[in-house]
Amino acid sequence: MKVYTYSQARNKLADILEESKNEEVIIRRRKGDMFSIVPKNPRRRSPFDIPGLSTGVTKEEILEAIQESRERD
């Protein structure tokens, strides 16, 4: 998280907006007010980008189950 003064933020707003895509950016005013900048819509990700599961099943067991199901049809 980076903190900028209001004057710094005003002078390099485009750079700060780009930086906020990767981490939270704080702008602090002279009176002590603080504002956080975070992107509203995070980068688009694939709907297939999901965390994996640890099932303890080996690749061979999965392939064997697929083969058995195909043989039944």
N, C-alpha and C. Protein backbone atom coordinates (compact mmCIF):
# COMPACT_ATOMS: atom_id res chain seq x y z
N MET A 1 0.86 -1.17 0.00
CA MET A 1 0.00 0.00 0.00
C MET A 1 0.90 1.23 0.00
N LYS A 2 0.62 2.14 -0.91
CA LYS A 2 1.39 3.38 -0.97
C LYS A 2 0.51 4.54 -0.55
N VAL A 3 1.13 5.53 0.04
CA VAL A 3 0.41 6.72 0.51
C VAL A 3 1.00 7.93 -0.19
N TYR A 4 0.12 8.74 -0.77
CA TYR A 4 0.52 9.97 -1.46
C TYR A 4 -0.19 11.15 -0.83
N THR A 5 0.44 12.31 -0.91
CA THR A 5 -0.25 13.53 -0.49
C THR A 5 -1.19 13.94 -1.61
N TYR A 6 -2.10 14.83 -1.29
CA TYR A 6 -3.04 15.31 -2.28
C TYR A 6 -2.31 15.95 -3.46
N SER A 7 -1.29 16.73 -3.17
CA SER A 7 -0.52 17.40 -4.24
C SER A 7 0.18 16.39 -5.13
N GLN A 8 0.79 15.38 -4.54
CA GLN A 8 1.44 14.34 -5.33
C GLN A 8 0.42 13.62 -6.22
N ALA A 9 -0.72 13.31 -5.65
CA ALA A 9 -1.76 12.59 -6.40
C ALA A 9 -2.28 13.43 -7.55
N ARG A 10 -2.45 14.72 -7.32
CA ARG A 10 -2.94 15.61 -8.37
C ARG A 10 -1.95 15.66 -9.53
N ASN A 11 -0.66 15.67 -9.23
CA ASN A 11 0.36 15.78 -10.27
C ASN A 11 0.57 14.50 -11.06
N LYS A 12 0.33 13.35 -10.45
CA LYS A 12 0.56 12.09 -11.16
C LYS A 12 -0.62 11.14 -11.05
N LEU A 13 -1.81 11.66 -11.27
CA LEU A 13 -3.03 10.87 -11.13
C LEU A 13 -3.05 9.65 -12.04
N ALA A 14 -2.67 9.80 -13.30
CA ALA A 14 -2.70 8.67 -14.23
C ALA A 14 -1.81 7.53 -13.74
N ASP A 15 -0.62 7.87 -13.25
CA ASP A 15 0.29 6.85 -12.74
C ASP A 15 -0.29 6.17 -11.50
N ILE A 16 -0.91 6.94 -10.65
CA ILE A 16 -1.49 6.39 -9.42
C ILE A 16 -2.66 5.47 -9.74
N LEU A 17 -3.47 5.82 -10.71
CA LEU A 17 -4.58 4.96 -11.09
C LEU A 17 -4.06 3.62 -11.63
N GLU A 18 -3.01 3.66 -12.43
CA GLU A 18 -2.41 2.42 -12.92
C GLU A 18 -1.85 1.59 -11.77
N GLU A 19 -1.20 2.26 -10.85
CA GLU A 19 -0.62 1.57 -9.69
C GLU A 19 -1.70 0.92 -8.83
N SER A 20 -2.87 1.55 -8.76
CA SER A 20 -3.95 1.02 -7.92
C SER A 20 -4.50 -0.30 -8.46
N LYS A 21 -4.17 -0.65 -9.70
CA LYS A 21 -4.60 -1.94 -10.24
C LYS A 21 -3.89 -3.09 -9.53
N ASN A 22 -2.70 -2.82 -8.99
CA ASN A 22 -1.91 -3.86 -8.35
C ASN A 22 -1.95 -3.82 -6.83
N GLU A 23 -2.14 -2.64 -6.27
CA GLU A 23 -2.18 -2.51 -4.81
C GLU A 23 -3.01 -1.29 -4.42
N GLU A 24 -3.46 -1.29 -3.19
CA GLU A 24 -4.26 -0.18 -2.70
C GLU A 24 -3.39 1.08 -2.61
N VAL A 25 -3.98 2.21 -3.00
CA VAL A 25 -3.28 3.50 -2.94
C VAL A 25 -4.09 4.43 -2.03
N ILE A 26 -3.40 5.10 -1.12
CA ILE A 26 -4.05 6.02 -0.19
C ILE A 26 -3.61 7.44 -0.53
N ILE A 27 -4.58 8.35 -0.54
CA ILE A 27 -4.29 9.78 -0.72
C ILE A 27 -4.65 10.48 0.58
N ARG A 28 -3.68 11.20 1.11
CA ARG A 28 -3.87 11.88 2.40
C ARG A 28 -3.89 13.38 2.18
N ARG A 29 -4.91 14.03 2.71
CA ARG A 29 -5.01 15.49 2.62
C ARG A 29 -4.34 16.12 3.82
N ARG A 30 -4.09 17.39 3.71
CA ARG A 30 -3.39 18.13 4.76
C ARG A 30 -4.11 18.05 6.11
N LYS A 31 -5.44 18.06 6.08
CA LYS A 31 -6.22 18.02 7.32
C LYS A 31 -6.25 16.62 7.95
N GLY A 32 -5.68 15.65 7.26
CA GLY A 32 -5.64 14.29 7.80
C GLY A 32 -6.65 13.35 7.18
N ASP A 33 -7.56 13.86 6.33
CA ASP A 33 -8.51 12.99 5.65
C ASP A 33 -7.73 12.02 4.76
N MET A 34 -8.18 10.78 4.73
CA MET A 34 -7.52 9.79 3.90
C MET A 34 -8.55 9.12 2.99
N PHE A 35 -8.14 8.87 1.75
CA PHE A 35 -9.00 8.25 0.76
C PHE A 35 -8.26 7.08 0.13
N SER A 36 -8.98 6.00 -0.10
CA SER A 36 -8.40 4.80 -0.67
C SER A 36 -8.82 4.67 -2.13
N ILE A 37 -7.88 4.27 -2.96
CA ILE A 37 -8.19 4.03 -4.37
C ILE A 37 -7.95 2.56 -4.65
N VAL A 38 -9.01 1.88 -5.06
CA VAL A 38 -8.93 0.49 -5.48
C VAL A 38 -9.77 0.37 -6.75
N PRO A 39 -9.39 -0.49 -7.68
CA PRO A 39 -10.18 -0.61 -8.91
C PRO A 39 -11.57 -1.16 -8.62
N LYS A 40 -12.57 -0.62 -9.28
CA LYS A 40 -13.94 -1.07 -9.07
C LYS A 40 -14.15 -2.46 -9.66
N ASN A 41 -13.70 -2.64 -10.88
CA ASN A 41 -13.82 -3.94 -11.53
C ASN A 41 -12.43 -4.54 -11.67
N PRO A 42 -12.16 -5.60 -10.90
CA PRO A 42 -10.85 -6.21 -11.04
C PRO A 42 -10.67 -6.75 -12.46
N ARG A 43 -9.44 -7.02 -12.81
CA ARG A 43 -9.16 -7.54 -14.15
C ARG A 43 -10.06 -8.71 -14.44
N ARG A 44 -10.49 -8.79 -15.67
CA ARG A 44 -11.35 -9.90 -16.07
C ARG A 44 -10.54 -11.20 -16.04
N ARG A 45 -11.15 -12.19 -15.46
CA ARG A 45 -10.52 -13.50 -15.39
C ARG A 45 -11.38 -14.51 -16.11
N SER A 46 -10.80 -15.55 -16.51
CA SER A 46 -11.53 -16.62 -17.17
C SER A 46 -12.48 -17.28 -16.18
N PRO A 47 -13.68 -17.64 -16.61
CA PRO A 47 -14.59 -18.36 -15.70
C PRO A 47 -14.05 -19.75 -15.35
N PHE A 48 -13.06 -20.21 -16.11
CA PHE A 48 -12.45 -21.52 -15.83
C PHE A 48 -11.27 -21.41 -14.87
N ASP A 49 -10.93 -20.20 -14.46
CA ASP A 49 -9.82 -19.98 -13.54
C ASP A 49 -10.33 -20.15 -12.11
N ILE A 50 -10.38 -21.39 -11.67
CA ILE A 50 -10.89 -21.70 -10.33
C ILE A 50 -9.83 -22.47 -9.55
N PRO A 51 -9.86 -22.39 -8.24
CA PRO A 51 -8.87 -23.14 -7.46
C PRO A 51 -9.12 -24.64 -7.56
N GLY A 52 -8.06 -25.41 -7.54
CA GLY A 52 -8.18 -26.86 -7.62
C GLY A 52 -8.58 -27.47 -6.29
N LEU A 53 -8.96 -28.73 -6.34
CA LEU A 53 -9.33 -29.48 -5.15
C LEU A 53 -8.30 -30.57 -4.90
N SER A 54 -8.02 -30.82 -3.66
CA SER A 54 -7.13 -31.90 -3.31
C SER A 54 -7.98 -33.07 -2.85
N THR A 55 -8.16 -34.06 -3.74
CA THR A 55 -9.04 -35.20 -3.42
C THR A 55 -8.26 -36.44 -3.02
N GLY A 56 -6.98 -36.45 -3.32
CA GLY A 56 -6.18 -37.63 -3.01
C GLY A 56 -6.34 -38.72 -4.05
N VAL A 57 -7.05 -38.44 -5.15
CA VAL A 57 -7.24 -39.41 -6.22
C VAL A 57 -6.12 -39.21 -7.23
N THR A 58 -5.54 -40.31 -7.66
CA THR A 58 -4.44 -40.22 -8.62
C THR A 58 -4.97 -40.08 -10.04
N LYS A 59 -4.09 -39.67 -10.93
CA LYS A 59 -4.46 -39.53 -12.34
C LYS A 59 -4.87 -40.89 -12.91
N GLU A 60 -4.17 -41.92 -12.52
CA GLU A 60 -4.48 -43.26 -13.02
C GLU A 60 -5.89 -43.70 -12.58
N GLU A 61 -6.26 -43.40 -11.35
CA GLU A 61 -7.60 -43.76 -10.86
C GLU A 61 -8.69 -43.02 -11.63
N ILE A 62 -8.44 -41.77 -11.95
CA ILE A 62 -9.41 -40.99 -12.73
C ILE A 62 -9.55 -41.58 -14.13
N LEU A 63 -8.42 -41.86 -14.78
CA LEU A 63 -8.46 -42.43 -16.13
C LEU A 63 -9.15 -43.79 -16.13
N GLU A 64 -8.90 -44.59 -15.10
CA GLU A 64 -9.54 -45.90 -14.98
C GLU A 64 -11.06 -45.74 -14.83
N ALA A 65 -11.50 -44.78 -14.03
CA ALA A 65 -12.94 -44.55 -13.84
C ALA A 65 -13.59 -44.10 -15.15
N ILE A 66 -12.90 -43.27 -15.90
CA ILE A 66 -13.43 -42.82 -17.20
C ILE A 66 -13.54 -44.01 -18.15
N GLN A 67 -12.51 -44.83 -18.19
CA GLN A 67 -12.52 -46.00 -19.08
C GLN A 67 -13.66 -46.95 -18.72
N GLU A 68 -13.85 -47.19 -17.43
CA GLU A 68 -14.94 -48.08 -16.99
C GLU A 68 -16.30 -47.52 -17.38
N SER A 69 -16.48 -46.21 -17.23
CA SER A 69 -17.79 -45.63 -17.58
C SER A 69 -18.05 -45.71 -19.08
N ARG A 70 -17.00 -45.62 -19.89
CA ARG A 70 -17.17 -45.72 -21.35
C ARG A 70 -17.48 -47.16 -21.77
N GLU A 71 -16.93 -48.10 -21.06
CA GLU A 71 -17.16 -49.50 -21.40
C GLU A 71 -18.59 -49.93 -21.09
N ARG A 72 -19.24 -49.31 -20.12
CA ARG A 72 -20.61 -49.67 -19.74
C ARG A 72 -21.63 -49.25 -20.80
N ASP A 73 -21.31 -48.21 -21.56
CA ASP A 73 -22.29 -47.71 -22.56
C ASP A 73 -22.29 -48.48 -23.83
